[in-house]
Amino acid sequence: MMTDNLLGIDVGGTKCAVIYGKQEGGNLRIVEKTKFATTDVNETIGRICSELRSMMSRNGLTASNTQAVGISCGGPLDSAKGIVMSPPNLPGWDQIPIVSIVEEQTGIRASLQNDANACALAEYMFGAGRGCRNMVFLTFGTGLGAGIVLDGRLYEGTNGNAGELGHIRLAPDGPIGYGKRGSFEGFCSGGGIAQLAQKCVAEAYEKGQAVDWCTPKDIPHITALMVAEAAKKGDALALQIFRTSSEYLGMGLSMVVDILNPDRIVIGSIYARNESLMRPIVESVMKREALAPANEVCRVVPAELGEQIGDYAALSLAADIQRRK
């Protein structure tokens, strides 16, 4: 079986990683990974390049035996031109031509995508999306990022902005996400669940009701994890908060099913960790809201790659270059 050497770069607001992986058919194995802090833009880019060169040297990698380099980074960016365009979590990364920099340093073809798209490819190629044709991936972490794979190819839209599902408004009022009250991200993200919980807990105390898992002074510090832990113990208020998030998740996914007719929707982080709480409600709403023929062929499943998804995401971009040759 043919083995491909792949390199990946994961650029984050607080840390970066350079990864070396080997692809054998439908399997991807991470051979080596180096992590380091994200600092000044020039210093960080210099560190990325030096770590790439060192990793290649240690592993005998060259431009002739390494297929591609994948670069995963938070947006906005121009993937077609390979330019990072001032992401809010990367101060100073203004119009950085990261693809040409990496290609000049390594002599290897490189590809850039936002992290949600890269994660979508990772789950499609090596995770819960394997074997399907049309897949939608939702991060469901701190925010709600998304990536769309149609007919086996990442769908980016006209100028790379396809898949911003978190910006869809699901209600005229509600928690704020993606700068919009009542948005998909507002109801279906860690930040959104925390906002829902803060409101519900404050109202409970105003009514003279005690909340075992949160004191009044801790209301501003509520997290989605606190709510999930209480819900799993059977707390009625926490369960209601998760029910609200699950109902809106079902509504949002029904729109996705009606518009894109995917055969699989893969959801990470909070949904993956709390599937037993959320799935029955989500499925009930989708059965009611989505067109039956489209809903019947779509499976909603938790992401499989877990904490390693960032590593797989960067390497998947490299693997996708090779796949599309």
Foldseek 3Di string as FASTA:
>chain_A
DDKAWEWFWEDDLFKIKIWIWIDDVLDIDTDDMDMDTQDAPVVNLVVNLVVVVVVCVVVVHAQVRHAEFFYEAADDDFFVQCFHDCDVSRPPSHRHNSQVSNCVSGVHHYTYAYNQQLLQLLCCRHKVNDPWQWEKEWALEQFTFIWTGHRRHTDQPDGRPPGRQQAAAPDQAAADGPNHGRGLRLLRHFNNLLVLQLVLQVVCVVVVHDDVQADPVCSVVDTLVSLLVVVVVPDPSSLVSLLRSLLSVLVSVLVVLQPPLTQEYEYEDPCQVRVVSRVVSSLVNSVVRHDVVSSVRYDYYYIGCPPCSSVSSRRSSSVVVVVVD
